[in-house]
Amino acid sequence: MNEVVSVRVKRELKRRLEASGVDLGDAIRKYLEELACKTQIKESLRRLEQVTAEMPPLPAGSAAEIVRKDRDGH
């Protein structure tokens, strides 16, 4: 189901955009979709940072050991 969003812009701005061939409805929809995506990514990163902050740190040398085992396995 779609919702209606109303936006007020200065008459001159609307005129310039329309004169340039910009479809205001499409431009606004695209912007809002990109904004929603960016907002979702930021929220996911915030949650990821929260989860990783709660994890105990790895012992020194663990990363090197994991990489070495991975290389030796191939």
C-alpha atoms as a PDB file:
ATOM      1  CA  MET A   1       0.000   0.000   0.000  1.00  0.00           C
ATOM      2  CA  ASN A   2       1.357   3.403  -0.930  1.00  0.00           C
ATOM      3  CA  GLU A   3       1.252   6.526   1.197  1.00  0.00           C
ATOM      4  CA  VAL A   4       1.025  10.132   0.065  1.00  0.00           C
ATOM      5  CA  VAL A   5       3.760  12.554   1.127  1.00  0.00           C
ATOM      6  CA  SER A   6       3.329  16.245   0.414  1.00  0.00           C
ATOM      7  CA  VAL A   7       6.328  18.562   0.095  1.00  0.00           C
ATOM      8  CA  ARG A   8       6.355  22.337  -0.194  1.00  0.00           C
ATOM      9  CA  VAL A   9       9.201  23.878  -2.171  1.00  0.00           C
ATOM     10  CA  LYS A  10       9.841  27.375  -3.432  1.00  0.00           C
ATOM     11  CA  ARG A  11       8.130  28.086  -6.728  1.00  0.00           C
ATOM     12  CA  GLU A  12      11.438  29.086  -8.360  1.00  0.00           C
ATOM     13  CA  LEU A  13      13.074  25.811  -7.327  1.00  0.00           C
ATOM     14  CA  LYS A  14      10.227  23.788  -8.785  1.00  0.00           C
ATOM     15  CA  ARG A  15      10.303  25.832 -11.990  1.00  0.00           C
ATOM     16  CA  ARG A  16      14.088  25.373 -12.430  1.00  0.00           C
ATOM     17  CA  LEU A  17      13.901  21.633 -11.845  1.00  0.00           C
ATOM     18  CA  GLU A  18      10.975  21.142 -14.196  1.00  0.00           C
ATOM     19  CA  ALA A  19      12.690  23.316 -16.842  1.00  0.00           C
ATOM     20  CA  SER A  20      15.689  20.987 -16.579  1.00  0.00           C
ATOM     21  CA  GLY A  21      13.463  17.992 -17.239  1.00  0.00           C
ATOM     22  CA  VAL A  22      13.555  16.640 -13.690  1.00  0.00           C
ATOM     23  CA  ASP A  23      10.556  14.500 -12.756  1.00  0.00           C
ATOM     24  CA  LEU A  24      10.019  15.725  -9.201  1.00  0.00           C
ATOM     25  CA  GLY A  25       7.956  12.732  -8.107  1.00  0.00           C
ATOM     26  CA  ASP A  26      10.546  10.236  -9.335  1.00  0.00           C
ATOM     27  CA  ALA A  27      13.428  12.271  -7.891  1.00  0.00           C
ATOM     28  CA  ILE A  28      11.798  12.498  -4.467  1.00  0.00           C
ATOM     29  CA  ARG A  29      10.874   8.787  -4.440  1.00  0.00           C
ATOM     30  CA  LYS A  30      14.445   7.814  -5.391  1.00  0.00           C
ATOM     31  CA  TYR A  31      15.897  10.084  -2.706  1.00  0.00           C
ATOM     32  CA  LEU A  32      13.593   8.665  -0.028  1.00  0.00           C
ATOM     33  CA  GLU A  33      14.446   5.083  -1.032  1.00  0.00           C
ATOM     34  CA  GLU A  34      18.178   5.873  -0.795  1.00  0.00           C
ATOM     35  CA  LEU A  35      17.654   7.598   2.556  1.00  0.00           C
ATOM     36  CA  ALA A  36      15.744   4.587   3.905  1.00  0.00           C
ATOM     37  CA  CYS A  37      18.542   2.270   2.747  1.00  0.00           C
ATOM     38  CA  LYS A  38      21.256   4.439   4.334  1.00  0.00           C
ATOM     39  CA  THR A  39      19.258   4.656   7.559  1.00  0.00           C
ATOM     40  CA  GLN A  40      18.900   0.876   7.657  1.00  0.00           C
ATOM     41  CA  ILE A  41      22.642   0.424   7.053  1.00  0.00           C
ATOM     42  CA  LYS A  42      23.497   2.871   9.848  1.00  0.00           C
ATOM     43  CA  GLU A  43      21.182   1.034  12.246  1.00  0.00           C
ATOM     44  CA  SER A  44      22.708  -2.326  11.293  1.00  0.00           C
ATOM     45  CA  LEU A  45      26.210  -0.959  11.858  1.00  0.00           C
ATOM     46  CA  ARG A  46      25.179   0.454  15.233  1.00  0.00           C
ATOM     47  CA  ARG A  47      23.836  -2.944  16.302  1.00  0.00           C
ATOM     48  CA  LEU A  48      26.961  -4.691  14.988  1.00  0.00           C
ATOM     49  CA  GLU A  49      29.181  -2.315  16.955  1.00  0.00           C
ATOM     50  CA  GLN A  50      27.095  -2.979  20.053  1.00  0.00           C
ATOM     51  CA  VAL A  51      27.419  -6.761  19.644  1.00  0.00           C
ATOM     52  CA  THR A  52      31.165  -6.648  18.974  1.00  0.00           C
ATOM     53  CA  ALA A  53      31.714  -4.337  21.949  1.00  0.00           C
ATOM     54  CA  GLU A  54      30.166  -6.992  24.191  1.00  0.00           C
ATOM     55  CA  MET A  55      32.438  -9.761  22.848  1.00  0.00           C
ATOM     56  CA  PRO A  56      35.616 -10.624  24.732  1.00  0.00           C
ATOM     57  CA  PRO A  57      38.851  -9.723  22.917  1.00  0.00           C
ATOM     58  CA  LEU A  58      40.841 -12.456  21.178  1.00  0.00           C
ATOM     59  CA  PRO A  59      44.142 -13.489  22.746  1.00  0.00           C
ATOM     60  CA  ALA A  60      47.258 -11.968  21.173  1.00  0.00           C
ATOM     61  CA  GLY A  61      48.337 -13.821  18.040  1.00  0.00           C
ATOM     62  CA  SER A  62      44.925 -15.372  17.363  1.00  0.00           C
ATOM     63  CA  ALA A  63      44.409 -13.592  14.044  1.00  0.00           C
ATOM     64  CA  ALA A  64      47.822 -14.655  12.754  1.00  0.00           C
ATOM     65  CA  GLU A  65      47.145 -18.240  13.814  1.00  0.00           C
ATOM     66  CA  ILE A  66      43.766 -18.303  12.058  1.00  0.00           C
ATOM     67  CA  VAL A  67      45.265 -16.886   8.848  1.00  0.00           C
ATOM     68  CA  ARG A  68      48.137 -19.380   8.977  1.00  0.00           C
ATOM     69  CA  LYS A  69      45.748 -22.328   9.409  1.00  0.00           C
ATOM     70  CA  ASP A  70      43.614 -21.060   6.536  1.00  0.00           C
ATOM     71  CA  ARG A  71      46.628 -20.738   4.224  1.00  0.00           C
ATOM     72  CA  ASP A  72      47.974 -24.169   5.162  1.00  0.00           C
ATOM     73  CA  GLY A  73      44.594 -25.733   4.472  1.00  0.00           C
ATOM     74  CA  HIS A  74      44.582 -24.650   0.828  1.00  0.00           C
END
